PDB file of all heavy atoms in Angstrom:
ATOM      1  N   ALA A   1       6.019  -2.722  -0.630  1.00  0.00           N
ATOM      2  CA  ALA A   1       5.827  -3.816  -1.588  1.00  0.00           C
ATOM      3  C   ALA A   1       5.731  -5.165  -0.873  1.00  0.00           C
ATOM      4  O   ALA A   1       4.848  -5.979  -1.185  1.00  0.00           O
ATOM      5  CB  ALA A   1       6.981  -3.830  -2.594  1.00  0.00           C
ATOM      6  N   ARG A   2       6.612  -5.414   0.090  1.00  0.00           N
ATOM      7  CA  ARG A   2       6.564  -6.681   0.848  1.00  0.00           C
ATOM      8  C   ARG A   2       5.233  -6.809   1.586  1.00  0.00           C
ATOM      9  O   ARG A   2       4.655  -7.888   1.661  1.00  0.00           O
ATOM     10  CB  ARG A   2       7.724  -6.757   1.843  1.00  0.00           C
ATOM     11  CG  ARG A   2       9.047  -7.129   1.223  1.00  0.00           C
ATOM     12  CD  ARG A   2      10.103  -7.489   2.263  1.00  0.00           C
ATOM     13  NE  ARG A   2      10.205  -6.580   3.384  1.00  0.00           N
ATOM     14  CZ  ARG A   2      10.975  -5.505   3.427  1.00  0.00           C
ATOM     15  NH1 ARG A   2      11.720  -5.193   2.397  1.00  0.00           N
ATOM     16  NH2 ARG A   2      11.005  -4.746   4.497  1.00  0.00           N
ATOM     17  N   SER A   3       4.756  -5.699   2.101  1.00  0.00           N
ATOM     18  CA  SER A   3       3.491  -5.720   2.841  1.00  0.00           C
ATOM     19  C   SER A   3       2.311  -5.982   1.906  1.00  0.00           C
ATOM     20  O   SER A   3       1.391  -6.723   2.248  1.00  0.00           O
ATOM     21  CB  SER A   3       3.300  -4.397   3.578  1.00  0.00           C
ATOM     22  OG  SER A   3       4.380  -4.176   4.455  1.00  0.00           O
ATOM     23  N   LEU A   4       2.335  -5.371   0.729  1.00  0.00           N
ATOM     24  CA  LEU A   4       1.248  -5.574  -0.229  1.00  0.00           C
ATOM     25  C   LEU A   4       1.181  -7.026  -0.713  1.00  0.00           C
ATOM     26  O   LEU A   4       0.096  -7.543  -0.968  1.00  0.00           O
ATOM     27  CB  LEU A   4       1.398  -4.626  -1.422  1.00  0.00           C
ATOM     28  CG  LEU A   4       1.024  -3.176  -1.172  1.00  0.00           C
ATOM     29  CD1 LEU A   4       1.352  -2.317  -2.390  1.00  0.00           C
ATOM     30  CD2 LEU A   4      -0.452  -3.044  -0.815  1.00  0.00           C
ATOM     31  N   LYS A   5       2.321  -7.655  -0.826  1.00  0.00           N
ATOM     32  CA  LYS A   5       2.348  -9.056  -1.262  1.00  0.00           C
ATOM     33  C   LYS A   5       1.556  -9.953  -0.308  1.00  0.00           C
ATOM     34  O   LYS A   5       1.018 -10.962  -0.714  1.00  0.00           O
ATOM     35  CB  LYS A   5       3.785  -9.560  -1.373  1.00  0.00           C
ATOM     36  CG  LYS A   5       4.503  -9.047  -2.593  1.00  0.00           C
ATOM     37  CD  LYS A   5       5.914  -9.608  -2.647  1.00  0.00           C
ATOM     38  CE  LYS A   5       6.677  -9.063  -3.831  1.00  0.00           C
ATOM     39  NZ  LYS A   5       8.057  -9.574  -3.877  1.00  0.00           N
ATOM     40  N   GLU A   6       1.491  -9.569   0.950  1.00  0.00           N
ATOM     41  CA  GLU A   6       0.776 -10.381   1.936  1.00  0.00           C
ATOM     42  C   GLU A   6      -0.735 -10.344   1.742  1.00  0.00           C
ATOM     43  O   GLU A   6      -1.432 -11.235   2.208  1.00  0.00           O
ATOM     44  CB  GLU A   6       1.136  -9.926   3.354  1.00  0.00           C
ATOM     45  CG  GLU A   6       2.570 -10.232   3.729  1.00  0.00           C
ATOM     46  CD  GLU A   6       2.883  -9.877   5.172  1.00  0.00           C
ATOM     47  OE1 GLU A   6       1.988 -10.021   6.021  1.00  0.00           O
ATOM     48  OE2 GLU A   6       4.025  -9.469   5.426  1.00  0.00           O
ATOM     49  N   VAL A   7      -1.247  -9.307   1.071  1.00  0.00           N
ATOM     50  CA  VAL A   7      -2.698  -9.178   0.907  1.00  0.00           C
ATOM     51  C   VAL A   7      -3.094  -9.120  -0.565  1.00  0.00           C
ATOM     52  O   VAL A   7      -4.220  -8.717  -0.888  1.00  0.00           O
ATOM     53  CB  VAL A   7      -3.229  -7.936   1.665  1.00  0.00           C
ATOM     54  CG1 VAL A   7      -3.049  -8.086   3.154  1.00  0.00           C
ATOM     55  CG2 VAL A   7      -2.569  -6.662   1.163  1.00  0.00           C
ATOM     56  N   ARG A   8      -2.264  -9.528  -1.458  1.00  0.00           N
ATOM     57  CA  ARG A   8      -2.511  -9.328  -2.889  1.00  0.00           C
ATOM     58  C   ARG A   8      -3.691 -10.109  -3.466  1.00  0.00           C
ATOM     59  O   ARG A   8      -4.163  -9.815  -4.544  1.00  0.00           O
ATOM     60  CB  ARG A   8      -1.244  -9.611  -3.693  1.00  0.00           C
ATOM     61  CG  ARG A   8      -0.810 -11.024  -3.708  1.00  0.00           C
ATOM     62  CD  ARG A   8       0.394 -11.177  -4.586  1.00  0.00           C
ATOM     63  NE  ARG A   8       1.089 -12.402  -4.237  1.00  0.00           N
ATOM     64  CZ  ARG A   8       2.359 -12.582  -4.393  1.00  0.00           C
ATOM     65  NH1 ARG A   8       3.100 -11.634  -4.903  1.00  0.00           N
ATOM     66  NH2 ARG A   8       2.922 -13.718  -4.058  1.00  0.00           N
ATOM     67  N   GLU A   9      -4.200 -11.098  -2.757  1.00  0.00           N
ATOM     68  CA  GLU A   9      -5.331 -11.865  -3.286  1.00  0.00           C
ATOM     69  C   GLU A   9      -6.679 -11.178  -3.072  1.00  0.00           C
ATOM     70  O   GLU A   9      -7.706 -11.649  -3.531  1.00  0.00           O
ATOM     71  CB  GLU A   9      -5.350 -13.286  -2.691  1.00  0.00           C
ATOM     72  CG  GLU A   9      -5.651 -13.361  -1.213  1.00  0.00           C
ATOM     73  CD  GLU A   9      -4.439 -13.132  -0.303  1.00  0.00           C
ATOM     74  OE1 GLU A   9      -3.304 -13.027  -0.801  1.00  0.00           O
ATOM     75  OE2 GLU A   9      -4.657 -13.044   0.909  1.00  0.00           O
ATOM     76  N   HIS A  10      -6.693 -10.067  -2.398  1.00  0.00           N
ATOM     77  CA  HIS A  10      -7.942  -9.352  -2.134  1.00  0.00           C
ATOM     78  C   HIS A  10      -8.273  -8.399  -3.292  1.00  0.00           C
ATOM     79  O   HIS A  10      -7.390  -7.916  -3.990  1.00  0.00           O
ATOM     80  CB  HIS A  10      -7.850  -8.604  -0.800  1.00  0.00           C
ATOM     81  CG  HIS A  10      -7.607  -9.539   0.337  1.00  0.00           C
ATOM     82  ND1 HIS A  10      -8.597 -10.271   0.915  1.00  0.00           N
ATOM     83  CD2 HIS A  10      -6.458  -9.911   0.970  1.00  0.00           C
ATOM     84  CE1 HIS A  10      -8.090 -11.044   1.871  1.00  0.00           C
ATOM     85  NE2 HIS A  10      -6.797 -10.838   1.914  1.00  0.00           N
ATOM     86  N   LYS A  11      -9.544  -8.138  -3.464  1.00  0.00           N
ATOM     87  CA  LYS A  11     -10.014  -7.350  -4.613  1.00  0.00           C
ATOM     88  C   LYS A  11      -9.733  -5.860  -4.488  1.00  0.00           C
ATOM     89  O   LYS A  11      -9.506  -5.178  -5.476  1.00  0.00           O
ATOM     90  CB  LYS A  11     -11.522  -7.571  -4.824  1.00  0.00           C
ATOM     91  CG  LYS A  11     -11.862  -8.964  -5.265  1.00  0.00           C
ATOM     92  CD  LYS A  11     -11.347  -9.200  -6.655  1.00  0.00           C
ATOM     93  CE  LYS A  11     -11.671 -10.624  -7.090  1.00  0.00           C
ATOM     94  NZ  LYS A  11     -10.804 -11.088  -8.135  1.00  0.00           N
ATOM     95  N   GLU A  12      -9.756  -5.357  -3.272  1.00  0.00           N
ATOM     96  CA  GLU A  12      -9.566  -3.924  -3.087  1.00  0.00           C
ATOM     97  C   GLU A  12      -8.645  -3.695  -1.894  1.00  0.00           C
ATOM     98  O   GLU A  12      -8.873  -4.231  -0.816  1.00  0.00           O
ATOM     99  CB  GLU A  12     -10.905  -3.230  -2.844  1.00  0.00           C
ATOM    100  CG  GLU A  12     -10.773  -1.732  -2.771  1.00  0.00           C
ATOM    101  CD  GLU A  12     -12.125  -1.055  -2.624  1.00  0.00           C
ATOM    102  OE1 GLU A  12     -12.949  -1.187  -3.535  1.00  0.00           O
ATOM    103  OE2 GLU A  12     -12.324  -0.433  -1.567  1.00  0.00           O
ATOM    104  N   ILE A  13      -7.621  -2.917  -2.131  1.00  0.00           N
ATOM    105  CA  ILE A  13      -6.636  -2.640  -1.078  1.00  0.00           C
ATOM    106  C   ILE A  13      -6.487  -1.129  -0.938  1.00  0.00           C
ATOM    107  O   ILE A  13      -6.317  -0.417  -1.929  1.00  0.00           O
ATOM    108  CB  ILE A  13      -5.272  -3.277  -1.411  1.00  0.00           C
ATOM    109  CG1 ILE A  13      -5.402  -4.797  -1.465  1.00  0.00           C
ATOM    110  CG2 ILE A  13      -4.225  -2.860  -0.387  1.00  0.00           C
ATOM    111  CD1 ILE A  13      -4.152  -5.504  -1.943  1.00  0.00           C
ATOM    112  N   GLN A  14      -6.539  -0.688   0.297  1.00  0.00           N
ATOM    113  CA  GLN A  14      -6.313   0.728   0.594  1.00  0.00           C
ATOM    114  C   GLN A  14      -4.979   0.828   1.325  1.00  0.00           C
ATOM    115  O   GLN A  14      -4.758   0.158   2.334  1.00  0.00           O
ATOM    116  CB  GLN A  14      -7.429   1.275   1.472  1.00  0.00           C
ATOM    117  CG  GLN A  14      -8.774   1.253   0.795  1.00  0.00           C
ATOM    118  CD  GLN A  14      -9.888   1.723   1.719  1.00  0.00           C
ATOM    119  OE1 GLN A  14      -9.747   1.770   2.936  1.00  0.00           O
ATOM    120  NE2 GLN A  14     -11.013   2.081   1.123  1.00  0.00           N
ATOM    121  N   LEU A  15      -4.106   1.651   0.792  1.00  0.00           N
ATOM    122  CA  LEU A  15      -2.768   1.841   1.352  1.00  0.00           C
ATOM    123  C   LEU A  15      -2.686   3.244   1.933  1.00  0.00           C
ATOM    124  O   LEU A  15      -2.927   4.229   1.238  1.00  0.00           O
ATOM    125  CB  LEU A  15      -1.712   1.655   0.259  1.00  0.00           C
ATOM    126  CG  LEU A  15      -0.270   1.991   0.613  1.00  0.00           C
ATOM    127  CD1 LEU A  15       0.245   1.055   1.708  1.00  0.00           C
ATOM    128  CD2 LEU A  15       0.611   1.915  -0.617  1.00  0.00           C
ATOM    129  N   PHE A  16      -2.344   3.317   3.212  1.00  0.00           N
ATOM    130  CA  PHE A  16      -2.197   4.599   3.900  1.00  0.00           C
ATOM    131  C   PHE A  16      -0.723   4.814   4.223  1.00  0.00           C
ATOM    132  O   PHE A  16      -0.072   3.929   4.792  1.00  0.00           O
ATOM    133  CB  PHE A  16      -3.019   4.613   5.196  1.00  0.00           C
ATOM    134  CG  PHE A  16      -4.489   4.459   4.968  1.00  0.00           C
ATOM    135  CD1 PHE A  16      -5.070   3.200   4.927  1.00  0.00           C
ATOM    136  CD2 PHE A  16      -5.289   5.580   4.787  1.00  0.00           C
ATOM    137  CE1 PHE A  16      -6.428   3.056   4.710  1.00  0.00           C
ATOM    138  CE2 PHE A  16      -6.644   5.440   4.571  1.00  0.00           C
ATOM    139  CZ  PHE A  16      -7.227   4.176   4.521  1.00  0.00           C
ATOM    140  N   VAL A  17      -0.214   5.988   3.859  1.00  0.00           N
ATOM    141  CA  VAL A  17       1.184   6.340   4.143  1.00  0.00           C
ATOM    142  C   VAL A  17       1.219   7.758   4.707  1.00  0.00           C
ATOM    143  O   VAL A  17       0.240   8.494   4.611  1.00  0.00           O
ATOM    144  CB  VAL A  17       2.067   6.244   2.874  1.00  0.00           C
ATOM    145  CG1 VAL A  17       2.142   4.817   2.360  1.00  0.00           C
ATOM    146  CG2 VAL A  17       1.592   7.178   1.787  1.00  0.00           C
ATOM    147  N   SER A  18       2.366   8.117   5.246  1.00  0.00           N
ATOM    148  CA  SER A  18       2.490   9.480   5.777  1.00  0.00           C
ATOM    149  C   SER A  18       2.503  10.479   4.616  1.00  0.00           C
ATOM    150  O   SER A  18       2.886  10.128   3.491  1.00  0.00           O
ATOM    151  CB  SER A  18       3.775   9.619   6.596  1.00  0.00           C
ATOM    152  OG  SER A  18       4.891   9.697   5.737  1.00  0.00           O
ATOM    153  N   PRO A  19       2.099  11.705   4.875  1.00  0.00           N
ATOM    154  CA  PRO A  19       2.121  12.718   3.810  1.00  0.00           C
ATOM    155  C   PRO A  19       3.512  12.903   3.194  1.00  0.00           C
ATOM    156  O   PRO A  19       3.624  13.207   2.001  1.00  0.00           O
ATOM    157  CB  PRO A  19       1.662  13.995   4.526  1.00  0.00           C
ATOM    158  CG  PRO A  19       0.821  13.499   5.671  1.00  0.00           C
ATOM    159  CD  PRO A  19       1.478  12.214   6.108  1.00  0.00           C
ATOM    160  N   LYS A  20       4.562  12.678   3.974  1.00  0.00           N
ATOM    161  CA  LYS A  20       5.923  12.844   3.459  1.00  0.00           C
ATOM    162  C   LYS A  20       6.268  11.793   2.406  1.00  0.00           C
ATOM    163  O   LYS A  20       7.103  12.035   1.542  1.00  0.00           O
ATOM    164  CB  LYS A  20       6.940  12.777   4.602  1.00  0.00           C
ATOM    165  CG  LYS A  20       6.896  13.975   5.509  1.00  0.00           C
ATOM    166  CD  LYS A  20       7.941  13.869   6.593  1.00  0.00           C
ATOM    167  CE  LYS A  20       7.888  15.090   7.505  1.00  0.00           C
ATOM    168  NZ  LYS A  20       8.880  15.024   8.572  1.00  0.00           N
ATOM    169  N   LYS A  21       5.657  10.622   2.491  1.00  0.00           N
ATOM    170  CA  LYS A  21       5.956   9.549   1.539  1.00  0.00           C
ATOM    171  C   LYS A  21       4.885   9.411   0.455  1.00  0.00           C
ATOM    172  O   LYS A  21       5.057   8.663  -0.498  1.00  0.00           O
ATOM    173  CB  LYS A  21       6.083   8.205   2.288  1.00  0.00           C
ATOM    174  CG  LYS A  21       7.252   8.130   3.245  1.00  0.00           C
ATOM    175  CD  LYS A  21       8.558   8.141   2.497  1.00  0.00           C
ATOM    176  CE  LYS A  21       9.723   7.958   3.452  1.00  0.00           C
ATOM    177  NZ  LYS A  21      11.005   8.087   2.796  1.00  0.00           N
ATOM    178  N   TYR A  22       3.801  10.126   0.613  1.00  0.00           N
ATOM    179  CA  TYR A  22       2.660   9.975  -0.293  1.00  0.00           C
ATOM    180  C   TYR A  22       3.043  10.186  -1.764  1.00  0.00           C
ATOM    181  O   TYR A  22       2.755   9.343  -2.620  1.00  0.00           O
ATOM    182  CB  TYR A  22       1.534  10.929   0.117  1.00  0.00           C
ATOM    183  CG  TYR A  22       0.345  10.859  -0.802  1.00  0.00           C
ATOM    184  CD1 TYR A  22      -0.545   9.800  -0.722  1.00  0.00           C
ATOM    185  CD2 TYR A  22       0.114  11.857  -1.751  1.00  0.00           C
ATOM    186  CE1 TYR A  22      -1.643   9.725  -1.579  1.00  0.00           C
ATOM    187  CE2 TYR A  22      -0.970  11.786  -2.605  1.00  0.00           C
ATOM    188  CZ  TYR A  22      -1.846  10.713  -2.512  1.00  0.00           C
ATOM    189  OH  TYR A  22      -2.919  10.634  -3.365  1.00  0.00           O
ATOM    190  N   ALA A  23       3.681  11.286  -2.088  1.00  0.00           N
ATOM    191  CA  ALA A  23       4.016  11.597  -3.487  1.00  0.00           C
ATOM    192  C   ALA A  23       4.932  10.517  -4.072  1.00  0.00           C
ATOM    193  O   ALA A  23       4.721  10.073  -5.214  1.00  0.00           O
ATOM    194  CB  ALA A  23       4.669  12.973  -3.586  1.00  0.00           C
ATOM    195  N   TYR A  24       5.909  10.118  -3.320  1.00  0.00           N
ATOM    196  CA  TYR A  24       6.840   9.095  -3.821  1.00  0.00           C
ATOM    197  C   TYR A  24       6.117   7.776  -4.090  1.00  0.00           C
ATOM    198  O   TYR A  24       6.321   7.141  -5.124  1.00  0.00           O
ATOM    199  CB  TYR A  24       7.998   8.889  -2.831  1.00  0.00           C
ATOM    200  CG  TYR A  24       9.003   7.888  -3.342  1.00  0.00           C
ATOM    201  CD1 TYR A  24       9.936   8.254  -4.298  1.00  0.00           C
ATOM    202  CD2 TYR A  24       9.000   6.573  -2.890  1.00  0.00           C
ATOM    203  CE1 TYR A  24      10.848   7.346  -4.797  1.00  0.00           C
ATOM    204  CE2 TYR A  24       9.904   5.651  -3.375  1.00  0.00           C
ATOM    205  CZ  TYR A  24      10.827   6.030  -4.327  1.00  0.00           C
ATOM    206  OH  TYR A  24      11.722   5.118  -4.825  1.00  0.00           O
ATOM    207  N   VAL A  25       5.257   7.353  -3.166  1.00  0.00           N
ATOM    208  CA  VAL A  25       4.532   6.100  -3.340  1.00  0.00           C
ATOM    209  C   VAL A  25       3.603   6.203  -4.554  1.00  0.00           C
ATOM    210  O   VAL A  25       3.503   5.260  -5.354  1.00  0.00           O
ATOM    211  CB  VAL A  25       3.755   5.720  -2.053  1.00  0.00           C
ATOM    212  CG1 VAL A  25       2.836   4.533  -2.281  1.00  0.00           C
ATOM    213  CG2 VAL A  25       4.732   5.407  -0.916  1.00  0.00           C
TER     214      VAL A  25
END
């Protein structure tokens, strides 16, 4: 969430996480 706040003004954001955290995110 803190990281996303840094780029929130952009129109499209792609977030990559490890497979272990994917479902939770």
